[in-house]
PDB file of N, CA and C in Angstrom:
ATOM      1  N   MET A   1      32.147  60.241  12.998  1.00  0.00           N
ATOM      2  CA  MET A   1      32.288  58.875  12.921  1.00  0.00           C
ATOM      3  C   MET A   1      31.382  58.317  11.730  1.00  0.00           C
ATOM      4  N   GLY A   2      32.163  57.465  10.764  1.00  0.00           N
ATOM      5  CA  GLY A   2      31.453  57.056   9.425  1.00  0.00           C
ATOM      6  C   GLY A   2      30.542  56.228  10.350  1.00  0.00           C
ATOM      7  N   ARG A   3      29.747  56.074   8.789  1.00  0.00           N
ATOM      8  CA  ARG A   3      28.640  54.639   9.681  1.00  0.00           C
ATOM      9  C   ARG A   3      29.212  53.625   8.782  1.00  0.00           C
ATOM     10  N   SER A   4      28.615  51.944   8.872  1.00  0.00           N
ATOM     11  CA  SER A   4      28.665  50.907   8.932  1.00  0.00           C
ATOM     12  C   SER A   4      27.879  50.995   7.699  1.00  0.00           C
ATOM     13  N   LEU A   5      28.650  49.515   6.895  1.00  0.00           N
ATOM     14  CA  LEU A   5      27.574  48.836   5.755  1.00  0.00           C
ATOM     15  C   LEU A   5      26.554  48.403   5.939  1.00  0.00           C
ATOM     16  N   ASP A   6      26.269  48.099   6.797  1.00  0.00           N
ATOM     17  CA  ASP A   6      25.179  47.952   7.628  1.00  0.00           C
ATOM     18  C   ASP A   6      24.131  49.122   7.429  1.00  0.00           C
ATOM     19  N   GLU A   7      24.490  50.026   8.545  1.00  0.00           N
ATOM     20  CA  GLU A   7      23.749  51.453   8.650  1.00  0.00           C
ATOM     21  C   GLU A   7      23.251  51.895   7.184  1.00  0.00           C
ATOM     22  N   LEU A   8      24.236  52.216   6.351  1.00  0.00           N
ATOM     23  CA  LEU A   8      24.073  52.417   5.178  1.00  0.00           C
ATOM     24  C   LEU A   8      23.100  51.254   4.024  1.00  0.00           C
ATOM     25  N   ILE A   9      22.958  50.167   4.327  1.00  0.00           N
ATOM     26  CA  ILE A   9      21.814  49.386   3.436  1.00  0.00           C
ATOM     27  C   ILE A   9      20.948  49.973   4.129  1.00  0.00           C
ATOM     28  N   THR A  10      20.622  49.624   5.185  1.00  0.00           N
ATOM     29  CA  THR A  10      19.482  49.908   6.496  1.00  0.00           C
ATOM     30  C   THR A  10      18.538  51.236   5.680  1.00  0.00           C
ATOM     31  N   SER A  11      19.856  52.019   5.675  1.00  0.00           N
ATOM     32  CA  SER A  11      19.497  53.681   4.941  1.00  0.00           C
ATOM     33  C   SER A  11      18.766  53.636   3.445  1.00  0.00           C
ATOM     34  N   LEU A  12      19.054  52.795   2.518  1.00  0.00           N
ATOM     35  CA  LEU A  12      18.107  52.501   1.113  1.00  0.00           C
ATOM     36  C   LEU A  12      16.902  52.281   0.704  1.00  0.00           C
ATOM     37  N   PRO A  13      16.487  52.447   0.208  1.00  0.00           N
ATOM     38  CA  PRO A  13      15.040  52.470  -0.563  1.00  0.00           C
ATOM     39  C   PRO A  13      15.137  50.896  -0.358  1.00  0.00           C
ATOM     40  N   PRO A  14      13.597  50.236   0.316  1.00  0.00           N
ATOM     41  CA  PRO A  14      13.772  48.836  -0.010  1.00  0.00           C
ATOM     42  C   PRO A  14      14.309  48.274  -1.013  1.00  0.00           C
ATOM     43  N   GLU A  15      13.496  48.700  -2.291  1.00  0.00           N
ATOM     44  CA  GLU A  15      13.839  47.945  -3.559  1.00  0.00           C
ATOM     45  C   GLU A  15      16.054  48.624  -3.955  1.00  0.00           C
ATOM     46  N   ASP A  16      15.825  48.783  -3.638  1.00  0.00           N
ATOM     47  CA  ASP A  16      17.589  49.338  -3.556  1.00  0.00           C
ATOM     48  C   ASP A  16      18.356  47.928  -2.723  1.00  0.00           C
ATOM     49  N   ARG A  17      17.337  47.660  -1.407  1.00  0.00           N
ATOM     50  CA  ARG A  17      18.348  46.728  -0.039  1.00  0.00           C
ATOM     51  C   ARG A  17      17.700  45.475  -1.070  1.00  0.00           C
ATOM     52  N   GLU A  18      16.898  45.256  -1.702  1.00  0.00           N
ATOM     53  CA  GLU A  18      16.323  43.793  -2.316  1.00  0.00           C
ATOM     54  C   GLU A  18      17.546  43.715  -3.128  1.00  0.00           C
ATOM     55  N   ARG A  19      18.059  45.288  -4.185  1.00  0.00           N
ATOM     56  CA  ARG A  19      18.641  44.481  -5.329  1.00  0.00           C
ATOM     57  C   ARG A  19      20.854  44.267  -4.508  1.00  0.00           C
ATOM     58  N   VAL A  20      20.710  44.664  -3.865  1.00  0.00           N
ATOM     59  CA  VAL A  20      21.969  44.666  -2.572  1.00  0.00           C
ATOM     60  C   VAL A  20      22.039  43.054  -2.731  1.00  0.00           C
ATOM     61  N   ASP A  21      20.843  42.872  -1.644  1.00  0.00           N
ATOM     62  CA  ASP A  21      20.547  41.727  -1.127  1.00  0.00           C
ATOM     63  C   ASP A  21      20.490  40.630  -2.180  1.00  0.00           C
ATOM     64  N   ALA A  22      20.265  40.331  -3.594  1.00  0.00           N
ATOM     65  CA  ALA A  22      19.819  39.570  -4.649  1.00  0.00           C
ATOM     66  C   ALA A  22      21.504  39.474  -5.101  1.00  0.00           C
ATOM     67  N   ARG A  23      22.403  40.974  -5.524  1.00  0.00           N
ATOM     68  CA  ARG A  23      23.436  41.031  -5.734  1.00  0.00           C
ATOM     69  C   ARG A  23      24.553  39.842  -4.721  1.00  0.00           C
ATOM     70  N   TYR A  24      23.859  40.621  -3.424  1.00  0.00           N
ATOM     71  CA  TYR A  24      25.249  39.352  -2.227  1.00  0.00           C
ATOM     72  C   TYR A  24      24.824  37.660  -2.499  1.00  0.00           C
ATOM     73  N   THR A  25      23.564  37.181  -2.674  1.00  0.00           N
ATOM     74  CA  THR A  25      22.887  35.961  -2.639  1.00  0.00           C
ATOM     75  C   THR A  25      24.248  35.706  -4.307  1.00  0.00           C
ATOM     76  N   GLU A  26      24.044  36.344  -4.824  1.00  0.00           N
ATOM     77  CA  GLU A  26      24.747  35.911  -6.119  1.00  0.00           C
ATOM     78  C   GLU A  26      26.103  35.388  -5.967  1.00  0.00           C
ATOM     79  N   LEU A  27      26.770  36.543  -5.436  1.00  0.00           N
ATOM     80  CA  LEU A  27      28.455  36.283  -5.310  1.00  0.00           C
ATOM     81  C   LEU A  27      28.600  35.260  -4.310  1.00  0.00           C
ATOM     82  N   VAL A  28      27.814  35.332  -3.189  1.00  0.00           N
ATOM     83  CA  VAL A  28      27.733  33.896  -2.046  1.00  0.00           C
ATOM     84  C   VAL A  28      28.043  32.915  -2.821  1.00  0.00           C
ATOM     85  N   GLN A  29      27.241  32.385  -3.936  1.00  0.00           N
ATOM     86  CA  GLN A  29      27.134  31.466  -4.641  1.00  0.00           C
ATOM     87  C   GLN A  29      28.152  31.126  -5.510  1.00  0.00           C
ATOM     88  N   GLU A  30      29.013  31.928  -5.861  1.00  0.00           N
ATOM     89  CA  GLU A  30      30.054  31.974  -6.577  1.00  0.00           C
ATOM     90  C   GLU A  30      31.443  32.011  -6.270  1.00  0.00           C
ATOM     91  N   VAL A  31      32.412  30.550  -6.541  1.00  0.00           N
ATOM     92  CA  VAL A  31      33.747  30.959  -5.532  1.00  0.00           C
ATOM     93  C   VAL A  31      34.435  30.970  -6.406  1.00  0.00           C
ATOM     94  N   GLU A  32      35.589  31.594  -6.114  1.00  0.00           N
ATOM     95  CA  GLU A  32      37.305  31.367  -7.415  1.00  0.00           C
ATOM     96  C   GLU A  32      38.024  29.689  -7.463  1.00  0.00           C
ATOM     97  N   GLY A  33      37.759  29.188  -6.601  1.00  0.00           N
ATOM     98  CA  GLY A  33      38.063  27.976  -7.170  1.00  0.00           C
ATOM     99  C   GLY A  33      38.262  27.109  -5.868  1.00  0.00           C
ATOM    100  N   LEU A  34      38.902  25.764  -5.707  1.00  0.00           N
ATOM    101  CA  LEU A  34      38.581  24.812  -4.657  1.00  0.00           C
ATOM    102  C   LEU A  34      38.888  25.563  -3.334  1.00  0.00           C
ATOM    103  N   ARG A  35      39.920  26.255  -3.448  1.00  0.00           N
ATOM    104  CA  ARG A  35      40.473  26.215  -1.910  1.00  0.00           C
ATOM    105  C   ARG A  35      39.289  27.536  -1.901  1.00  0.00           C
ATOM    106  N   ALA A  36      38.863  28.293  -1.743  1.00  0.00           N
ATOM    107  CA  ALA A  36      37.364  29.157  -1.261  1.00  0.00           C
ATOM    108  C   ALA A  36      36.564  28.363  -0.998  1.00  0.00           C
ATOM    109  N   LEU A  37      36.196  27.405  -1.963  1.00  0.00           N
ATOM    110  CA  LEU A  37      35.025  26.109  -1.094  1.00  0.00           C
ATOM    111  C   LEU A  37      35.130  25.440  -0.620  1.00  0.00           C
ATOM    112  N   ARG A  38      36.631  25.153  -0.221  1.00  0.00           N
ATOM    113  CA  ARG A  38      37.249  24.450   1.251  1.00  0.00           C
ATOM    114  C   ARG A  38      37.164  25.360   2.141  1.00  0.00           C
ATOM    115  N   GLN A  39      37.382  26.496   2.089  1.00  0.00           N
ATOM    116  CA  GLN A  39      37.448  27.658   2.546  1.00  0.00           C
ATOM    117  C   GLN A  39      35.506  28.078   3.695  1.00  0.00           C
ATOM    118  N   ILE A  40      34.964  28.077   2.476  1.00  0.00           N
ATOM    119  CA  ILE A  40      33.430  27.567   2.902  1.00  0.00           C
ATOM    120  C   ILE A  40      33.226  27.005   3.890  1.00  0.00           C
ATOM    121  N   ALA A  41      33.381  25.721   3.203  1.00  0.00           N
ATOM    122  CA  ALA A  41      33.230  24.581   4.657  1.00  0.00           C
ATOM    123  C   ALA A  41      33.437  24.383   5.834  1.00  0.00           C
ATOM    124  N   GLY A  42      35.093  25.241   5.774  1.00  0.00           N
ATOM    125  CA  GLY A  42      35.385  25.706   7.260  1.00  0.00           C
ATOM    126  C   GLY A  42      36.813  24.292   7.432  1.00  0.00           C
ATOM    127  N   LYS A  43      37.253  23.722   5.963  1.00  0.00           N
ATOM    128  CA  LYS A  43      37.683  22.768   6.317  1.00  0.00           C
ATOM    129  C   LYS A  43      38.774  22.984   6.160  1.00  0.00           C
ATOM    130  N   ALA A  44      40.694  22.706   6.949  1.00  0.00           N
ATOM    131  CA  ALA A  44      41.647  23.017   6.732  1.00  0.00           C
ATOM    132  C   ALA A  44      42.540  21.948   5.938  1.00  0.00           C
ATOM    133  N   GLN A  45      43.091  22.662   4.847  1.00  0.00           N
ATOM    134  CA  GLN A  45      44.092  21.446   3.602  1.00  0.00           C
ATOM    135  C   GLN A  45      44.140  20.176   4.829  1.00  0.00           C
ATOM    136  N   ALA A  46      44.802  20.110   5.886  1.00  0.00           N
ATOM    137  CA  ALA A  46      44.978  18.523   7.199  1.00  0.00           C
ATOM    138  C   ALA A  46      43.406  17.897   7.084  1.00  0.00           C
ATOM    139  N   ASP A  47      42.645  18.821   7.156  1.00  0.00           N
ATOM    140  CA  ASP A  47      40.873  17.543   6.930  1.00  0.00           C
ATOM    141  C   ASP A  47      40.526  17.197   5.507  1.00  0.00           C
ATOM    142  N   VAL A  48      40.928  17.858   4.805  1.00  0.00           N
ATOM    143  CA  VAL A  48      40.788  17.091   3.318  1.00  0.00           C
ATOM    144  C   VAL A  48      42.058  16.015   3.423  1.00  0.00           C
ATOM    145  N   ALA A  49      43.042  16.293   3.145  1.00  0.00           N
ATOM    146  CA  ALA A  49      44.120  15.428   3.272  1.00  0.00           C
ATOM    147  C   ALA A  49      43.356  14.040   3.786  1.00  0.00           C
ATOM    148  N   ALA A  50      43.325  14.376   5.079  1.00  0.00           N
ATOM    149  CA  ALA A  50      42.904  13.378   6.074  1.00  0.00           C
ATOM    150  C   ALA A  50      41.807  11.980   5.795  1.00  0.00           C
ATOM    151  N   ALA A  51      40.583  13.139   4.645  1.00  0.00           N
ATOM    152  CA  ALA A  51      39.229  12.184   4.260  1.00  0.00           C
ATOM    153  C   ALA A  51      40.231  11.327   2.566  1.00  0.00           C
ATOM    154  N   LEU A  52      41.044  12.335   2.262  1.00  0.00           N
ATOM    155  CA  LEU A  52      41.250  11.863   0.828  1.00  0.00           C
ATOM    156  C   LEU A  52      42.737  10.770   1.199  1.00  0.00           C
ATOM    157  N   LYS A  53      42.786  10.499   2.304  1.00  0.00           N
ATOM    158  CA  LYS A  53      43.596   9.216   2.439  1.00  0.00           C
ATOM    159  C   LYS A  53      44.922  10.043   2.195  1.00  0.00           C
ATOM    160  N   ILE A  54      45.525  11.181   1.934  1.00  0.00           N
ATOM    161  CA  ILE A  54      46.830  11.890   1.170  1.00  0.00           C
ATOM    162  C   ILE A  54      47.197  12.771   2.049  1.00  0.00           C
ATOM    163  N   LYS A  55      48.531  13.550   1.515  1.00  0.00           N
ATOM    164  CA  LYS A  55      49.281  14.450   2.373  1.00  0.00           C
ATOM    165  C   LYS A  55      48.755  15.581   1.777  1.00  0.00           C
ATOM    166  N   GLN A  56      49.317  16.977   3.101  1.00  0.00           N
ATOM    167  CA  GLN A  56      48.519  17.986   2.835  1.00  0.00           C
ATOM    168  C   GLN A  56      49.537  18.359   1.748  1.00  0.00           C
ATOM    169  N   PRO A  57      50.340  18.585   1.045  1.00  0.00           N
ATOM    170  CA  PRO A  57      50.501  18.738   0.038  1.00  0.00           C
ATOM    171  C   PRO A  57      49.662  18.948  -1.155  1.00  0.00           C
ATOM    172  N   SER A  58      49.661  17.579  -1.304  1.00  0.00           N
ATOM    173  CA  SER A  58      48.702  17.130  -2.288  1.00  0.00           C
ATOM    174  C   SER A  58      47.762  17.605  -2.240  1.00  0.00           C
ATOM    175  N   VAL A  59      46.873  17.814  -1.094  1.00  0.00           N
ATOM    176  CA  VAL A  59      45.522  18.807  -1.649  1.00  0.00           C
ATOM    177  C   VAL A  59      46.246  19.780  -1.995  1.00  0.00           C
ATOM    178  N   SER A  60      47.429  21.029  -2.097  1.00  0.00           N
ATOM    179  CA  SER A  60      47.560  22.231  -2.328  1.00  0.00           C
ATOM    180  C   SER A  60      48.262  22.090  -3.882  1.00  0.00           C
ATOM    181  N   LYS A  61      48.565  20.978  -4.388  1.00  0.00           N
ATOM    182  CA  LYS A  61      48.468  21.168  -5.503  1.00  0.00           C
ATOM    183  C   LYS A  61      47.211  20.483  -6.402  1.00  0.00           C
ATOM    184  N   ILE A  62      46.110  19.947  -5.584  1.00  0.00           N
ATOM    185  CA  ILE A  62      44.705  19.684  -6.446  1.00  0.00           C
ATOM    186  C   ILE A  62      44.046  21.281  -6.661  1.00  0.00           C
ATOM    187  N   GLU A  63      44.364  21.985  -5.374  1.00  0.00           N
ATOM    188  CA  GLU A  63      43.775  23.566  -5.155  1.00  0.00           C
ATOM    189  C   GLU A  63      44.384  24.069  -6.513  1.00  0.00           C
ATOM    190  N   ASN A  64      45.732  24.040  -7.136  1.00  0.00           N
ATOM    191  CA  ASN A  64      46.137  24.745  -7.389  1.00  0.00           C
ATOM    192  C   ASN A  64      46.021  24.421  -9.143  1.00  0.00           C
ATOM    193  N   GLN A  65      45.210  23.009  -9.886  1.00  0.00           N
ATOM    194  CA  GLN A  65      45.118  22.689 -10.569  1.00  0.00           C
ATOM    195  C   GLN A  65      44.612  22.686 -11.455  1.00  0.00           C
ATOM    196  N   ALA A  66      44.972  23.499 -12.876  1.00  0.00           N
ATOM    197  CA  ALA A  66      43.879  23.953 -13.662  1.00  0.00           C
ATOM    198  C   ALA A  66      42.763  23.256 -14.375  1.00  0.00           C
ATOM    199  N   ASP A  67      43.492  21.744 -14.688  1.00  0.00           N
ATOM    200  CA  ASP A  67      42.573  20.584 -14.881  1.00  0.00           C
ATOM    201  C   ASP A  67      42.867  19.132 -14.168  1.00  0.00           C
ATOM    202  N   MET A  68      41.878  18.717 -14.200  1.00  0.00           N
ATOM    203  CA  MET A  68      41.869  17.543 -13.266  1.00  0.00           C
ATOM    204  C   MET A  68      40.555  16.817 -14.117  1.00  0.00           C
ATOM    205  N   HIS A  69      40.603  15.613 -13.120  1.00  0.00           N
ATOM    206  CA  HIS A  69      39.343  13.704 -13.729  1.00  0.00           C
ATOM    207  C   HIS A  69      38.548  14.638 -13.096  1.00  0.00           C
ATOM    208  N   LEU A  70      37.731  14.182 -13.551  1.00  0.00           N
ATOM    209  CA  LEU A  70      36.307  14.626 -12.814  1.00  0.00           C
ATOM    210  C   LEU A  70      35.782  13.954 -11.547  1.00  0.00           C
ATOM    211  N   SER A  71      36.815  12.248 -11.410  1.00  0.00           N
ATOM    212  CA  SER A  71      37.081  11.875  -9.803  1.00  0.00           C
ATOM    213  C   SER A  71      37.587  12.150  -9.060  1.00  0.00           C
ATOM    214  N   THR A  72      38.505  12.723  -9.425  1.00  0.00           N
ATOM    215  CA  THR A  72      39.104  13.549  -8.215  1.00  0.00           C
ATOM    216  C   THR A  72      38.602  14.887  -7.844  1.00  0.00           C
ATOM    217  N   LEU A  73      38.034  15.718  -9.099  1.00  0.00           N
ATOM    218  CA  LEU A  73      36.913  16.910  -8.426  1.00  0.00           C
ATOM    219  C   LEU A  73      35.927  16.268  -7.436  1.00  0.00           C
ATOM    220  N   ARG A  74      35.073  15.243  -8.227  1.00  0.00           N
ATOM    221  CA  ARG A  74      34.483  14.423  -7.057  1.00  0.00           C
ATOM    222  C   ARG A  74      35.036  14.735  -5.575  1.00  0.00           C
ATOM    223  N   SER A  75      35.940  13.886  -5.859  1.00  0.00           N
ATOM    224  CA  SER A  75      36.455  13.240  -4.457  1.00  0.00           C
ATOM    225  C   SER A  75      36.804  14.131  -3.239  1.00  0.00           C
ATOM    226  N   TYR A  76      37.034  15.475  -4.226  1.00  0.00           N
ATOM    227  CA  TYR A  76      37.480  16.539  -3.111  1.00  0.00           C
ATOM    228  C   TYR A  76      36.289  17.402  -2.946  1.00  0.00           C
ATOM    229  N   VAL A  77      35.228  17.192  -3.581  1.00  0.00           N
ATOM    230  CA  VAL A  77      34.043  18.359  -3.114  1.00  0.00           C
ATOM    231  C   VAL A  77      33.793  17.015  -1.368  1.00  0.00           C
ATOM    232  N   GLU A  78      33.328  15.868  -1.986  1.00  0.00           N
ATOM    233  CA  GLU A  78      33.191  14.837  -0.964  1.00  0.00           C
ATOM    234  C   GLU A  78      33.780  15.020   0.439  1.00  0.00           C
ATOM    235  N   ALA A  79      34.975  15.332   0.050  1.00  0.00           N
ATOM    236  CA  ALA A  79      35.866  15.598   1.156  1.00  0.00           C
ATOM    237  C   ALA A  79      35.783  16.889   2.211  1.00  0.00           C
ATOM    238  N   VAL A  80      35.114  17.768   1.323  1.00  0.00           N
ATOM    239  CA  VAL A  80      34.879  19.316   2.537  1.00  0.00           C
ATOM    240  C   VAL A  80      33.296  18.685   2.720  1.00  0.00           C
ATOM    241  N   GLY A  81      33.052  17.697   1.998  1.00  0.00           N
ATOM    242  CA  GLY A  81      31.289  17.538   2.908  1.00  0.00           C
ATOM    243  C   GLY A  81      30.212  17.719   1.637  1.00  0.00           C
ATOM    244  N   GLY A  82      30.624  18.241   0.339  1.00  0.00           N
ATOM    245  CA  GLY A  82      29.838  18.596  -0.520  1.00  0.00           C
ATOM    246  C   GLY A  82      29.533  17.131  -1.772  1.00  0.00           C
ATOM    247  N   GLU A  83      28.334  17.302  -2.357  1.00  0.00           N
ATOM    248  CA  GLU A  83      28.225  16.513  -3.320  1.00  0.00           C
ATOM    249  C   GLU A  83      28.610  17.599  -4.915  1.00  0.00           C
ATOM    250  N   LEU A  84      29.439  17.060  -5.777  1.00  0.00           N
ATOM    251  CA  LEU A  84      29.508  17.398  -6.809  1.00  0.00           C
ATOM    252  C   LEU A  84      28.086  17.073  -8.178  1.00  0.00           C
ATOM    253  N   GLU A  85      27.746  18.049  -8.470  1.00  0.00           N
ATOM    254  CA  GLU A  85      26.853  17.982  -9.653  1.00  0.00           C
ATOM    255  C   GLU A  85      27.136  17.995 -10.687  1.00  0.00           C
ATOM    256  N   LEU A  86      27.277  17.547 -12.530  1.00  0.00           N
ATOM    257  CA  LEU A  86      27.469  17.967 -13.095  1.00  0.00           C
ATOM    258  C   LEU A  86      26.413  18.018 -14.448  1.00  0.00           C
ATOM    259  N   THR A  87      25.981  19.164 -14.559  1.00  0.00           N
ATOM    260  CA  THR A  87      24.340  19.794 -15.441  1.00  0.00           C
ATOM    261  C   THR A  87      25.311  20.223 -17.127  1.00  0.00           C
ATOM    262  N   VAL A  88      24.602  19.803 -17.716  1.00  0.00           N
ATOM    263  CA  VAL A  88      25.070  19.969 -19.239  1.00  0.00           C
ATOM    264  C   VAL A  88      23.724  20.462 -19.947  1.00  0.00           C
ATOM    265  N   ARG A  89      24.419  22.023 -20.455  1.00  0.00           N
ATOM    266  CA  ARG A  89      22.593  22.442 -20.813  1.00  0.00           C
ATOM    267  C   ARG A  89      22.673  23.212 -22.381  1.00  0.00           C
ATOM    268  N   LEU A  90      22.223  22.473 -23.521  1.00  0.00           N
ATOM    269  CA  LEU A  90      22.318  22.395 -24.454  1.00  0.00           C
ATOM    270  C   LEU A  90      21.701  23.633 -25.091  1.00  0.00           C
ATOM    271  N   PRO A  91      21.709  23.597 -26.430  1.00  0.00           N
ATOM    272  CA  PRO A  91      20.188  24.877 -26.626  1.00  0.00           C
ATOM    273  C   PRO A  91      19.397  23.775 -27.171  1.00  0.00           C
ATOM    274  N   LYS A  92      18.342  24.565 -27.181  1.00  0.00           N
ATOM    275  CA  LYS A  92      16.772  23.868 -27.309  1.00  0.00           C
ATOM    276  C   LYS A  92      16.810  22.881 -26.650  1.00  0.00           C
ATOM    277  N   GLN A  93      17.733  21.848 -25.811  1.00  0.00           N
ATOM    278  CA  GLN A  93      17.137  21.029 -25.331  1.00  0.00           C
ATOM    279  C   GLN A  93      17.208  20.870 -23.742  1.00  0.00           C
ATOM    280  N   PRO A  94      16.559  19.953 -22.667  1.00  0.00           N
ATOM    281  CA  PRO A  94      15.896  20.059 -21.158  1.00  0.00           C
ATOM    282  C   PRO A  94      17.788  20.394 -20.915  1.00  0.00           C
ATOM    283  N   ALA A  95      17.920  20.275 -19.537  1.00  0.00           N
ATOM    284  CA  ALA A  95      19.004  20.216 -19.258  1.00  0.00           C
ATOM    285  C   ALA A  95      19.615  18.912 -18.361  1.00  0.00           C
ATOM    286  N   VAL A  96      20.470  18.084 -19.012  1.00  0.00           N
ATOM    287  CA  VAL A  96      20.672  16.805 -18.331  1.00  0.00           C
ATOM    288  C   VAL A  96      21.890  16.407 -17.578  1.00  0.00           C
ATOM    289  N   ARG A  97      21.923  15.908 -16.365  1.00  0.00           N
ATOM    290  CA  ARG A  97      22.649  15.834 -15.252  1.00  0.00           C
ATOM    291  C   ARG A  97      22.775  14.722 -15.211  1.00  0.00           C
ATOM    292  N   ILE A  98      24.760  14.854 -15.357  1.00  0.00           N
ATOM    293  CA  ILE A  98      25.004  13.514 -15.645  1.00  0.00           C
ATOM    294  C   ILE A  98      25.380  12.860 -14.062  1.00  0.00           C
ATOM    295  N   HIS A  99      25.594  12.034 -13.387  1.00  0.00           N
ATOM    296  CA  HIS A  99      25.474  11.321 -12.495  1.00  0.00           C
ATOM    297  C   HIS A  99      27.150  10.591 -12.505  1.00  0.00           C
ATOM    298  N   ALA A 100      27.274  10.119 -13.278  1.00  0.00           N
ATOM    299  CA  ALA A 100      28.452   8.989 -13.661  1.00  0.00           C
ATOM    300  C   ALA A 100      29.342   9.180 -15.110  1.00  0.00           C
ATOM    301  N   LEU A 101      29.970   9.051 -15.279  1.00  0.00           N
ATOM    302  CA  LEU A 101      30.661   9.048 -17.076  1.00  0.00           C
ATOM    303  C   LEU A 101      29.610   7.589 -17.534  1.00  0.00           C
ATOM    304  N   GLY A 102      28.997   7.835 -18.524  1.00  0.00           N
ATOM    305  CA  GLY A 102      28.320   6.833 -19.016  1.00  0.00           C
ATOM    306  C   GLY A 102      26.674   6.797 -18.849  1.00  0.00           C
ATOM    307  N   ASP A 103      26.030   7.872 -17.763  1.00  0.00           N
ATOM    308  CA  ASP A 103      24.955   7.284 -16.989  1.00  0.00           C
ATOM    309  C   ASP A 103      24.421   9.043 -16.980  1.00  0.00           C
ATOM    310  N   VAL A 104      23.283   8.886 -17.921  1.00  0.00           N
ATOM    311  CA  VAL A 104      22.550  10.311 -18.290  1.00  0.00           C
ATOM    312  C   VAL A 104      21.099  10.406 -17.901  1.00  0.00           C
ATOM    313  N   THR A 105      21.062  11.092 -17.004  1.00  0.00           N
ATOM    314  CA  THR A 105      19.409  11.013 -16.825  1.00  0.00           C
ATOM    315  C   THR A 105      18.605  12.648 -16.646  1.00  0.00           C
ATOM    316  N   PRO A 106      17.763  12.960 -17.336  1.00  0.00           N
ATOM    317  CA  PRO A 106      17.397  14.339 -17.780  1.00  0.00           C
ATOM    318  C   PRO A 106      17.214  15.085 -16.079  1.00  0.00           C
ATOM    319  N   VAL A 107      17.016  16.126 -16.238  1.00  0.00           N
ATOM    320  CA  VAL A 107      16.797  16.915 -15.258  1.00  0.00           C
ATOM    321  C   VAL A 107      15.232  17.413 -15.075  1.00  0.00           C
ATOM    322  N   ILE A 108      14.955  16.967 -14.093  1.00  0.00           N
ATOM    323  CA  ILE A 108      13.356  17.630 -14.419  1.00  0.00           C
ATOM    324  C   ILE A 108      12.889  18.631 -13.082  1.00  0.00           C
ATOM    325  N   SER A 109      12.273  19.721 -13.717  1.00  0.00           N
ATOM    326  CA  SER A 109      12.133  20.704 -13.270  1.00  0.00           C
ATOM    327  C   SER A 109      11.056  20.393 -11.627  1.00  0.00           C
ATOM    328  N   PRO A 110      11.599  21.487 -10.670  1.00  0.00           N
ATOM    329  CA  PRO A 110      10.310  20.846  -9.413  1.00  0.00           C
ATOM    330  C   PRO A 110       8.737  20.895  -9.711  1.00  0.00           C
ATOM    331  N   ARG A 111       7.849  21.920 -10.514  1.00  0.00           N
ATOM    332  CA  ARG A 111       7.389  21.815 -10.948  1.00  0.00           C
ATOM    333  C   ARG A 111       6.836  20.719 -12.409  1.00  0.00           C
ATOM    334  N   LYS A 112       7.644  20.518 -13.097  1.00  0.00           N
ATOM    335  CA  LYS A 112       7.206  19.512 -13.983  1.00  0.00           C
ATOM    336  C   LYS A 112       7.392  17.640 -12.921  1.00  0.00           C
ATOM    337  N   ALA A 113       7.502  17.751 -12.313  1.00  0.00           N
ATOM    338  CA  ALA A 113       8.228  16.720 -10.915  1.00  0.00           C
ATOM    339  C   ALA A 113       6.748  16.983 -10.416  1.00  0.00           C
ATOM    340  N   SER A 114       6.489  17.727  -9.394  1.00  0.00           N
ATOM    341  CA  SER A 114       4.758  17.959  -9.184  1.00  0.00           C
ATOM    342  C   SER A 114       3.896  17.605  -9.889  1.00  0.00           C
ATOM    343  N   LEU A 115       4.113  18.173 -10.959  1.00  0.00           N
ATOM    344  CA  LEU A 115       3.069  17.710 -12.034  1.00  0.00           C
ATOM    345  C   LEU A 115       3.265  16.157 -12.284  1.00  0.00           C
ATOM    346  N   ALA A 116       4.209  15.690 -12.277  1.00  0.00           N
ATOM    347  CA  ALA A 116       3.692  14.399 -12.628  1.00  0.00           C
ATOM    348  C   ALA A 116       3.581  13.127 -11.476  1.00  0.00           C
ATOM    349  N   LYS A 117       4.375  13.931 -10.108  1.00  0.00           N
ATOM    350  CA  LYS A 117       3.268  13.033  -8.942  1.00  0.00           C
ATOM    351  C   LYS A 117       2.307  13.565  -9.176  1.00  0.00           C
ATOM    352  N   ALA A 118       1.511  14.429  -9.599  1.00  0.00           N
ATOM    353  CA  ALA A 118       0.082  14.757  -9.576  1.00  0.00           C
ATOM    354  C   ALA A 118      -0.763  13.644 -10.229  1.00  0.00           C
ATOM    355  N   GLY A 119       0.074  13.656 -11.474  1.00  0.00           N
ATOM    356  CA  GLY A 119      -0.474  12.581 -12.828  1.00  0.00           C
ATOM    357  C   GLY A 119      -0.817  11.194 -11.574  1.00  0.00           C
ATOM    358  N   ASP A 120       0.593  10.661 -11.134  1.00  0.00           N
ATOM    359  CA  ASP A 120       0.398   9.047 -10.593  1.00  0.00           C
ATOM    360  C   ASP A 120      -0.704   9.250  -9.831  1.00  0.00           C
ATOM    361  N   ARG A 121      -1.335  10.386  -9.123  1.00  0.00           N
ATOM    362  CA  ARG A 121      -2.467   9.878  -8.445  1.00  0.00           C
ATOM    363  C   ARG A 121      -3.673   9.857  -8.757  1.00  0.00           C
ATOM    364  N   GLU A 122      -3.702  10.214  -9.843  1.00  0.00           N
ATOM    365  CA  GLU A 122      -4.748  10.501 -10.523  1.00  0.00           C
ATOM    366  C   GLU A 122      -5.434   8.543 -10.619  1.00  0.00           C
TER     367      GLU A 122
END
C-alpha cells in the first residue's frame, strides 16, 4: 500500500518540510476568485444573497464578473464575513491604504507603530 501525503512530508528533511509548509501557506492565502473566497468562508450563495438582500442568481452573476465597482466588491466581502482592504504600492513610496474613495491613510508598519508608541511614552 502506498504512503499518504502526510507520511511522505513527515519523512522529508526538516528544511524541505519548512519549504513545503511555506509554499502551502502561500497557496492558502491566494484565491482564484470570489467563489473560492465564499467557499473558504463556508458560505453558500444563498447566505451571501440573504446578507446582501438580493437573489441567489445575482450572487452568481457577481462571482462571474471580471469587473465591478469597489462598493460591490466591499459589500460582497463583508457578506462572506470579511473586510476589504485596498493597498496601493508605488515605487519608492510607502504603501498607502485606501479606506474609501477620497480617503487616503499611510500604512504604518508594526515596527514603526511600536516606535511611535514608544516615543509617545517618553
